[in-house]
C-alpha atoms as a PDB file:
ATOM      1  CA  UNK A   1      48.843  93.459 -53.090  1.00  0.00           C
ATOM      2  CA  UNK A   2      52.745  94.692 -51.763  1.00  0.00           C
ATOM      3  CA  UNK A   3      53.922  92.101 -48.760  1.00  0.00           C
ATOM      4  CA  UNK A   4      56.559  93.290 -46.435  1.00  0.00           C
ATOM      5  CA  UNK A   5      60.260  92.151 -46.377  1.00  0.00           C
ATOM      6  CA  UNK A   6      61.128  91.153 -42.502  1.00  0.00           C
ATOM      7  CA  UNK A   7      63.947  91.813 -41.922  1.00  0.00           C
ATOM      8  CA  UNK A   8      67.290  89.137 -42.079  1.00  0.00           C
ATOM      9  CA  UNK A   9      67.243  87.032 -39.125  1.00  0.00           C
ATOM     10  CA  UNK A  10      70.462  84.924 -38.377  1.00  0.00           C
ATOM     11  CA  UNK A  11      68.755  81.733 -38.071  1.00  0.00           C
ATOM     12  CA  UNK A  12      67.415  81.898 -41.757  1.00  0.00           C
ATOM     13  CA  UNK A  13      68.563  78.922 -42.879  1.00  0.00           C
ATOM     14  CA  UNK A  14      67.091  75.451 -42.522  1.00  0.00           C
ATOM     15  CA  UNK A  15      69.341  72.997 -43.721  1.00  0.00           C
ATOM     16  CA  UNK A  16      68.184  70.574 -46.960  1.00  0.00           C
ATOM     17  CA  UNK A  17      70.268  68.008 -48.777  1.00  0.00           C
ATOM     18  CA  UNK A  18      69.638  69.985 -52.310  1.00  0.00           C
ATOM     19  CA  UNK A  19      71.837  73.050 -51.576  1.00  0.00           C
ATOM     20  CA  UNK A  20      74.550  70.570 -49.391  1.00  0.00           C
ATOM     21  CA  UNK A  21      72.749  72.618 -46.573  1.00  0.00           C
ATOM     22  CA  UNK A  22      73.374  76.114 -47.061  1.00  0.00           C
ATOM     23  CA  UNK A  23      69.456  76.430 -46.863  1.00  0.00           C
ATOM     24  CA  UNK A  24      67.143  77.800 -49.073  1.00  0.00           C
ATOM     25  CA  UNK A  25      63.526  79.757 -48.798  1.00  0.00           C
ATOM     26  CA  UNK A  26      61.040  77.554 -47.516  1.00  0.00           C
ATOM     27  CA  UNK A  27      57.692  76.610 -47.721  1.00  0.00           C
ATOM     28  CA  UNK A  28      55.697  76.177 -44.525  1.00  0.00           C
ATOM     29  CA  UNK A  29      51.576  75.023 -44.799  1.00  0.00           C
ATOM     30  CA  UNK A  30      49.662  75.161 -41.690  1.00  0.00           C
ATOM     31  CA  UNK A  31      46.055  74.163 -41.245  1.00  0.00           C
ATOM     32  CA  UNK A  32      43.993  73.734 -38.148  1.00  0.00           C
ATOM     33  CA  UNK A  33      40.817  74.587 -36.869  1.00  0.00           C
ATOM     34  CA  UNK A  34      40.109  77.884 -33.917  1.00  0.00           C
ATOM     35  CA  UNK A  35      42.103  77.655 -31.346  1.00  0.00           C
ATOM     36  CA  UNK A  36      44.642  75.726 -32.271  1.00  0.00           C
ATOM     37  CA  UNK A  37      47.376  77.747 -32.029  1.00  0.00           C
ATOM     38  CA  UNK A  38      48.154  78.572 -35.566  1.00  0.00           C
ATOM     39  CA  UNK A  39      48.727  82.465 -35.365  1.00  0.00           C
ATOM     40  CA  UNK A  40      50.898  82.268 -32.426  1.00  0.00           C
ATOM     41  CA  UNK A  41      52.398  78.890 -32.938  1.00  0.00           C
ATOM     42  CA  UNK A  42      53.777  80.187 -37.024  1.00  0.00           C
ATOM     43  CA  UNK A  43      54.112  83.471 -35.404  1.00  0.00           C
ATOM     44  CA  UNK A  44      57.447  82.256 -33.610  1.00  0.00           C
ATOM     45  CA  UNK A  45      58.442  78.930 -35.843  1.00  0.00           C
ATOM     46  CA  UNK A  46      58.221  82.146 -38.690  1.00  0.00           C
ATOM     47  CA  UNK A  47      60.791  84.294 -36.664  1.00  0.00           C
ATOM     48  CA  UNK A  48      63.256  81.418 -35.495  1.00  0.00           C
ATOM     49  CA  UNK A  49      63.421  80.148 -38.333  1.00  0.00           C
ATOM     50  CA  UNK A  50      63.489  84.496 -39.667  1.00  0.00           C
ATOM     51  CA  UNK A  51      60.976  83.122 -42.433  1.00  0.00           C
ATOM     52  CA  UNK A  52      58.602  85.848 -43.545  1.00  0.00           C
ATOM     53  CA  UNK A  53      54.881  85.030 -42.218  1.00  0.00           C
ATOM     54  CA  UNK A  54      50.998  85.573 -43.515  1.00  0.00           C
ATOM     55  CA  UNK A  55      48.040  84.699 -41.482  1.00  0.00           C
ATOM     56  CA  UNK A  56      45.568  83.936 -44.182  1.00  0.00           C
ATOM     57  CA  UNK A  57      42.052  83.941 -41.879  1.00  0.00           C
ATOM     58  CA  UNK A  58      43.447  87.734 -41.142  1.00  0.00           C
ATOM     59  CA  UNK A  59      42.567  88.178 -45.462  1.00  0.00           C
ATOM     60  CA  UNK A  60      39.182  87.006 -44.684  1.00  0.00           C
ATOM     61  CA  UNK A  61      39.160  89.004 -41.591  1.00  0.00           C
ATOM     62  CA  UNK A  62      40.217  91.919 -43.606  1.00  0.00           C
ATOM     63  CA  UNK A  63      37.773  91.129 -46.252  1.00  0.00           C
ATOM     64  CA  UNK A  64      34.448  91.038 -44.372  1.00  0.00           C
ATOM     65  CA  UNK A  65      36.410  94.584 -42.826  1.00  0.00           C
ATOM     66  CA  UNK A  66      36.109  96.271 -45.975  1.00  0.00           C
ATOM     67  CA  UNK A  67      32.493  94.759 -47.360  1.00  0.00           C
ATOM     68  CA  UNK A  68      30.816  95.807 -43.894  1.00  0.00           C
ATOM     69  CA  UNK A  69      32.306  99.158 -44.542  1.00  0.00           C
ATOM     70  CA  UNK A  70      30.986  99.711 -47.836  1.00  0.00           C
ATOM     71  CA  UNK A  71      28.058  98.729 -46.833  1.00  0.00           C
ATOM     72  CA  UNK A  72      27.873  95.308 -48.648  1.00  0.00           C
ATOM     73  CA  UNK A  73      25.213  92.380 -47.641  1.00  0.00           C
ATOM     74  CA  UNK A  74      27.810  89.319 -46.696  1.00  0.00           C
ATOM     75  CA  UNK A  75      24.680  86.777 -48.281  1.00  0.00           C
ATOM     76  CA  UNK A  76      24.272  88.985 -51.849  1.00  0.00           C
ATOM     77  CA  UNK A  77      27.408  86.167 -53.219  1.00  0.00           C
ATOM     78  CA  UNK A  78      28.186  88.494 -55.553  1.00  0.00           C
ATOM     79  CA  UNK A  79      28.153  92.413 -54.188  1.00  0.00           C
ATOM     80  CA  UNK A  80      30.723  89.841 -51.971  1.00  0.00           C
ATOM     81  CA  UNK A  81      32.814  88.268 -54.430  1.00  0.00           C
ATOM     82  CA  UNK A  82      32.810  92.318 -56.455  1.00  0.00           C
ATOM     83  CA  UNK A  83      34.221  93.717 -53.362  1.00  0.00           C
ATOM     84  CA  UNK A  84      36.188  91.636 -52.108  1.00  0.00           C
ATOM     85  CA  UNK A  85      37.941  91.324 -56.243  1.00  0.00           C
ATOM     86  CA  UNK A  86      38.633  95.232 -55.743  1.00  0.00           C
ATOM     87  CA  UNK A  87      39.991  95.671 -51.922  1.00  0.00           C
ATOM     88  CA  UNK A  88      43.566  97.048 -52.193  1.00  0.00           C
ATOM     89  CA  UNK A  89      44.787  94.842 -49.440  1.00  0.00           C
ATOM     90  CA  UNK A  90      48.189  95.400 -48.485  1.00  0.00           C
ATOM     91  CA  UNK A  91      49.571  92.969 -45.880  1.00  0.00           C
ATOM     92  CA  UNK A  92      53.339  92.975 -44.295  1.00  0.00           C
ATOM     93  CA  UNK A  93      55.275  89.153 -43.176  1.00  0.00           C
ATOM     94  CA  UNK A  94      56.986  90.661 -40.616  1.00  0.00           C
ATOM     95  CA  UNK A  95      56.617  87.916 -38.093  1.00  0.00           C
ATOM     96  CA  UNK A  96      57.283  90.581 -35.126  1.00  0.00           C
ATOM     97  CA  UNK A  97      54.857  92.688 -36.268  1.00  0.00           C
ATOM     98  CA  UNK A  98      52.632  91.330 -39.171  1.00  0.00           C
ATOM     99  CA  UNK A  99      50.147  94.085 -41.100  1.00  0.00           C
ATOM    100  CA  UNK A 100      46.996  94.409 -42.253  1.00  0.00           C
ATOM    101  CA  UNK A 101      46.009  97.613 -44.517  1.00  0.00           C
ATOM    102  CA  UNK A 102      42.750  98.227 -46.488  1.00  0.00           C
ATOM    103  CA  UNK A 103      42.631 101.387 -48.764  1.00  0.00           C
ATOM    104  CA  UNK A 104      45.454 102.947 -46.302  1.00  0.00           C
ATOM    105  CA  UNK A 105      43.932 102.371 -43.289  1.00  0.00           C
ATOM    106  CA  UNK A 106      45.697 100.037 -40.759  1.00  0.00           C
ATOM    107  CA  UNK A 107      42.865  97.166 -39.967  1.00  0.00           C
ATOM    108  CA  UNK A 108      44.884  94.975 -37.698  1.00  0.00           C
ATOM    109  CA  UNK A 109      43.332  95.852 -34.422  1.00  0.00           C
ATOM    110  CA  UNK A 110      39.375  95.987 -35.838  1.00  0.00           C
ATOM    111  CA  UNK A 111      39.989  92.421 -37.738  1.00  0.00           C
ATOM    112  CA  UNK A 112      40.016  90.579 -34.233  1.00  0.00           C
ATOM    113  CA  UNK A 113      36.884  91.816 -33.162  1.00  0.00           C
ATOM    114  CA  UNK A 114      33.862  89.811 -32.234  1.00  0.00           C
ATOM    115  CA  UNK A 115      30.898  91.815 -34.628  1.00  0.00           C
ATOM    116  CA  UNK A 116      33.725  90.562 -37.273  1.00  0.00           C
ATOM    117  CA  UNK A 117      34.442  86.864 -36.357  1.00  0.00           C
ATOM    118  CA  UNK A 118      31.110  86.397 -35.702  1.00  0.00           C
ATOM    119  CA  UNK A 119      30.831  86.775 -39.567  1.00  0.00           C
ATOM    120  CA  UNK A 120      34.189  86.501 -41.406  1.00  0.00           C
ATOM    121  CA  UNK A 121      32.227  82.761 -42.540  1.00  0.00           C
ATOM    122  CA  UNK A 122      30.083  84.021 -44.663  1.00  0.00           C
ATOM    123  CA  UNK A 123      33.346  85.237 -46.766  1.00  0.00           C
ATOM    124  CA  UNK A 124      34.735  82.599 -45.903  1.00  0.00           C
ATOM    125  CA  UNK A 125      31.855  80.404 -47.303  1.00  0.00           C
ATOM    126  CA  UNK A 126      32.183  82.765 -50.588  1.00  0.00           C
ATOM    127  CA  UNK A 127      34.120  80.192 -53.539  1.00  0.00           C
ATOM    128  CA  UNK A 128      34.487  83.212 -56.038  1.00  0.00           C
ATOM    129  CA  UNK A 129      36.131  85.503 -52.620  1.00  0.00           C
ATOM    130  CA  UNK A 130      38.163  82.362 -51.958  1.00  0.00           C
ATOM    131  CA  UNK A 131      39.618  81.854 -55.200  1.00  0.00           C
ATOM    132  CA  UNK A 132      40.329  85.789 -55.244  1.00  0.00           C
ATOM    133  CA  UNK A 133      41.882  86.127 -51.817  1.00  0.00           C
ATOM    134  CA  UNK A 134      43.689  82.448 -53.152  1.00  0.00           C
ATOM    135  CA  UNK A 135      45.121  84.812 -55.786  1.00  0.00           C
ATOM    136  CA  UNK A 136      46.722  86.627 -53.749  1.00  0.00           C
ATOM    137  CA  UNK A 137      48.213  84.329 -51.129  1.00  0.00           C
ATOM    138  CA  UNK A 138      50.109  82.423 -53.266  1.00  0.00           C
ATOM    139  CA  UNK A 139      51.371  85.649 -55.043  1.00  0.00           C
ATOM    140  CA  UNK A 140      52.789  86.427 -51.032  1.00  0.00           C
ATOM    141  CA  UNK A 141      54.239  83.127 -51.212  1.00  0.00           C
ATOM    142  CA  UNK A 142      56.059  83.245 -54.557  1.00  0.00           C
ATOM    143  CA  UNK A 143      57.175  86.432 -53.390  1.00  0.00           C
ATOM    144  CA  UNK A 144      58.457  84.271 -50.587  1.00  0.00           C
ATOM    145  CA  UNK A 145      59.986  81.844 -52.190  1.00  0.00           C
ATOM    146  CA  UNK A 146      61.135  82.507 -55.265  1.00  0.00           C
ATOM    147  CA  UNK A 147      61.376  80.655 -58.670  1.00  0.00           C
ATOM    148  CA  UNK A 148      61.998  77.286 -58.496  1.00  0.00           C
ATOM    149  CA  UNK A 149      66.205  76.287 -57.278  1.00  0.00           C
ATOM    150  CA  UNK A 150      66.458  79.819 -56.235  1.00  0.00           C
ATOM    151  CA  UNK A 151      68.998  80.581 -52.708  1.00  0.00           C
ATOM    152  CA  UNK A 152      68.553  83.982 -52.288  1.00  0.00           C
ATOM    153  CA  UNK A 153      64.371  84.034 -51.226  1.00  0.00           C
ATOM    154  CA  UNK A 154      63.927  83.695 -47.555  1.00  0.00           C
ATOM    155  CA  UNK A 155      60.911  81.319 -47.393  1.00  0.00           C
ATOM    156  CA  UNK A 156      57.741  82.191 -45.451  1.00  0.00           C
ATOM    157  CA  UNK A 157      55.215  80.401 -42.681  1.00  0.00           C
ATOM    158  CA  UNK A 158      51.889  80.498 -44.440  1.00  0.00           C
ATOM    159  CA  UNK A 159      49.219  79.544 -41.724  1.00  0.00           C
ATOM    160  CA  UNK A 160      45.341  78.869 -42.422  1.00  0.00           C
ATOM    161  CA  UNK A 161      42.432  76.440 -43.365  1.00  0.00           C
ATOM    162  CA  UNK A 162      43.585  75.285 -46.913  1.00  0.00           C
ATOM    163  CA  UNK A 163      46.824  75.980 -47.164  1.00  0.00           C
ATOM    164  CA  UNK A 164      48.246  72.188 -46.976  1.00  0.00           C
ATOM    165  CA  UNK A 165      45.909  70.737 -49.387  1.00  0.00           C
ATOM    166  CA  UNK A 166      44.639  73.952 -51.743  1.00  0.00           C
ATOM    167  CA  UNK A 167      46.904  76.965 -51.767  1.00  0.00           C
ATOM    168  CA  UNK A 168      50.150  75.416 -51.117  1.00  0.00           C
ATOM    169  CA  UNK A 169      49.828  71.395 -51.315  1.00  0.00           C
ATOM    170  CA  UNK A 170      53.849  71.529 -53.422  1.00  0.00           C
ATOM    171  CA  UNK A 171      54.583  73.488 -49.550  1.00  0.00           C
ATOM    172  CA  UNK A 172      57.334  71.957 -48.457  1.00  0.00           C
ATOM    173  CA  UNK A 173      57.017  71.519 -44.737  1.00  0.00           C
ATOM    174  CA  UNK A 174      53.018  70.102 -44.704  1.00  0.00           C
ATOM    175  CA  UNK A 175      51.027  70.218 -40.947  1.00  0.00           C
ATOM    176  CA  UNK A 176      48.168  70.205 -39.849  1.00  0.00           C
ATOM    177  CA  UNK A 177      47.778  71.693 -36.357  1.00  0.00           C
ATOM    178  CA  UNK A 178      45.065  70.456 -33.875  1.00  0.00           C
ATOM    179  CA  UNK A 179      44.226  70.212 -30.572  1.00  0.00           C
ATOM    180  CA  UNK A 180      40.688  68.833 -28.563  1.00  0.00           C
ATOM    181  CA  UNK A 181      37.775  71.465 -29.094  1.00  0.00           C
ATOM    182  CA  UNK A 182      38.423  71.492 -24.801  1.00  0.00           C
ATOM    183  CA  UNK A 183      41.783  72.877 -25.753  1.00  0.00           C
ATOM    184  CA  UNK A 184      40.495  75.543 -28.506  1.00  0.00           C
ATOM    185  CA  UNK A 185      37.524  76.567 -26.695  1.00  0.00           C
ATOM    186  CA  UNK A 186      39.497  77.053 -23.258  1.00  0.00           C
ATOM    187  CA  UNK A 187      42.435  79.184 -25.396  1.00  0.00           C
ATOM    188  CA  UNK A 188      39.740  81.444 -27.433  1.00  0.00           C
ATOM    189  CA  UNK A 189      37.637  82.466 -24.524  1.00  0.00           C
ATOM    190  CA  UNK A 190      41.505  83.115 -22.685  1.00  0.00           C
ATOM    191  CA  UNK A 191      42.440  85.219 -25.424  1.00  0.00           C
ATOM    192  CA  UNK A 192      38.530  86.779 -26.013  1.00  0.00           C
ATOM    193  CA  UNK A 193      37.352  87.122 -22.227  1.00  0.00           C
ATOM    194  CA  UNK A 194      40.791  87.241 -20.503  1.00  0.00           C
ATOM    195  CA  UNK A 195      39.400  83.822 -18.926  1.00  0.00           C
ATOM    196  CA  UNK A 196      39.062  80.433 -19.158  1.00  0.00           C
ATOM    197  CA  UNK A 197      36.376  80.139 -16.640  1.00  0.00           C
ATOM    198  CA  UNK A 198      32.344  78.120 -17.359  1.00  0.00           C
ATOM    199  CA  UNK A 199      30.846  81.129 -18.059  1.00  0.00           C
ATOM    200  CA  UNK A 200      34.124  82.620 -20.741  1.00  0.00           C
ATOM    201  CA  UNK A 201      34.282  79.583 -22.474  1.00  0.00           C
ATOM    202  CA  UNK A 202      30.123  79.103 -22.891  1.00  0.00           C
ATOM    203  CA  UNK A 203      30.580  82.294 -24.692  1.00  0.00           C
ATOM    204  CA  UNK A 204      32.497  81.506 -27.093  1.00  0.00           C
ATOM    205  CA  UNK A 205      31.072  77.839 -27.610  1.00  0.00           C
ATOM    206  CA  UNK A 206      28.724  79.736 -30.494  1.00  0.00           C
ATOM    207  CA  UNK A 207      31.803  81.235 -32.264  1.00  0.00           C
ATOM    208  CA  UNK A 208      34.348  78.525 -32.250  1.00  0.00           C
ATOM    209  CA  UNK A 209      31.870  74.887 -32.621  1.00  0.00           C
ATOM    210  CA  UNK A 210      29.682  77.374 -35.722  1.00  0.00           C
ATOM    211  CA  UNK A 211      32.759  78.490 -37.733  1.00  0.00           C
ATOM    212  CA  UNK A 212      34.498  75.204 -37.808  1.00  0.00           C
ATOM    213  CA  UNK A 213      31.311  73.522 -38.570  1.00  0.00           C
ATOM    214  CA  UNK A 214      30.424  75.910 -40.914  1.00  0.00           C
ATOM    215  CA  UNK A 215      34.278  76.616 -43.080  1.00  0.00           C
ATOM    216  CA  UNK A 216      34.625  72.676 -43.121  1.00  0.00           C
ATOM    217  CA  UNK A 217      31.817  73.035 -45.124  1.00  0.00           C
ATOM    218  CA  UNK A 218      33.825  74.503 -48.336  1.00  0.00           C
ATOM    219  CA  UNK A 219      37.203  73.047 -47.592  1.00  0.00           C
ATOM    220  CA  UNK A 220      38.683  69.894 -44.693  1.00  0.00           C
ATOM    221  CA  UNK A 221      41.071  71.296 -41.649  1.00  0.00           C
ATOM    222  CA  UNK A 222      39.822  69.304 -39.243  1.00  0.00           C
ATOM    223  CA  UNK A 223      41.804  66.076 -41.207  1.00  0.00           C
ATOM    224  CA  UNK A 224      45.112  65.852 -42.004  1.00  0.00           C
ATOM    225  CA  UNK A 225      44.985  64.710 -45.776  1.00  0.00           C
ATOM    226  CA  UNK A 226      48.141  62.521 -47.442  1.00  0.00           C
ATOM    227  CA  UNK A 227      51.605  63.712 -47.088  1.00  0.00           C
ATOM    228  CA  UNK A 228      50.706  66.538 -44.133  1.00  0.00           C
ATOM    229  CA  UNK A 229      52.037  66.016 -40.358  1.00  0.00           C
ATOM    230  CA  UNK A 230      49.615  66.727 -37.463  1.00  0.00           C
ATOM    231  CA  UNK A 231      50.476  67.913 -34.228  1.00  0.00           C
ATOM    232  CA  UNK A 232      48.114  68.063 -31.348  1.00  0.00           C
ATOM    233  CA  UNK A 233      48.158  70.568 -29.145  1.00  0.00           C
ATOM    234  CA  UNK A 234      46.308  69.283 -26.391  1.00  0.00           C
ATOM    235  CA  UNK A 235      47.857  69.108 -23.418  1.00  0.00           C
ATOM    236  CA  UNK A 236      50.726  71.613 -24.881  1.00  0.00           C
ATOM    237  CA  UNK A 237      51.985  74.965 -24.100  1.00  0.00           C
ATOM    238  CA  UNK A 238      52.425  77.297 -26.396  1.00  0.00           C
ATOM    239  CA  UNK A 239      56.103  76.877 -26.404  1.00  0.00           C
ATOM    240  CA  UNK A 240      56.504  73.298 -26.438  1.00  0.00           C
ATOM    241  CA  UNK A 241      53.727  73.651 -29.314  1.00  0.00           C
ATOM    242  CA  UNK A 242      56.282  76.001 -30.668  1.00  0.00           C
ATOM    243  CA  UNK A 243      59.101  72.879 -30.209  1.00  0.00           C
ATOM    244  CA  UNK A 244      56.567  70.673 -31.524  1.00  0.00           C
ATOM    245  CA  UNK A 245      55.903  71.945 -34.763  1.00  0.00           C
ATOM    246  CA  UNK A 246      60.087  73.863 -35.448  1.00  0.00           C
ATOM    247  CA  UNK A 247      60.956  69.847 -34.404  1.00  0.00           C
ATOM    248  CA  UNK A 248      58.443  68.767 -37.660  1.00  0.00           C
ATOM    249  CA  UNK A 249      59.934  71.700 -39.972  1.00  0.00           C
ATOM    250  CA  UNK A 250      63.424  70.694 -39.242  1.00  0.00           C
ATOM    251  CA  UNK A 251      63.389  66.876 -39.974  1.00  0.00           C
ATOM    252  CA  UNK A 252      61.276  67.296 -42.801  1.00  0.00           C
ATOM    253  CA  UNK A 253      63.401  69.600 -44.317  1.00  0.00           C
ATOM    254  CA  UNK A 254      66.330  67.325 -43.550  1.00  0.00           C
ATOM    255  CA  UNK A 255      65.144  64.737 -45.552  1.00  0.00           C
END
């Protein structure tokens, strides 16, 4: 996987006492359930801070797309593991235009379809596949952070379900972005169906609630681990949530 580097941003520096406020590569890890706003919020946070952006959930979606394209039975764990390990995935980490390419095919739109959303948990629950994708995710983080003490990197905002606890437990800033089930269902219904009316919410419920329930069997993304700051976006709009996350990033990074 070859991560691409976003263009320079005038607000890239995040104050840190170890560098005298000059800025250093900062890793921001954000976990949370479906519909909590992770992707929209993290892209804006990354853009505001001049950091790279990695959506690890999209990597699982890309892996699911790859398996289905190759005719792999998602119930066959060994076959899924083998397919994921062979997946030629390239990820672009520019928050303004993140990209996902598999074997030369742009899958950014394809992986957001209901057909993928309804079965992605089958790949996400495969522990060997998770391990492979986790290795790739750490490689992106390492590339963006650079060696310890190095001040020439960009840093990265990484969002998913196990980033604060498994993938980057040593991240500079760790956040659990959550919201009430009612708020999450309404947001996902609006995103998928263009409406948050009763029928749309009902049509979305199974996808959101079932997927969270399935994924929570392999990783806990519903409660904050020690040292993880919780941001509840239930009563916040997008801009307010972005501001809340930025406030946490700046407060923690400045300690």
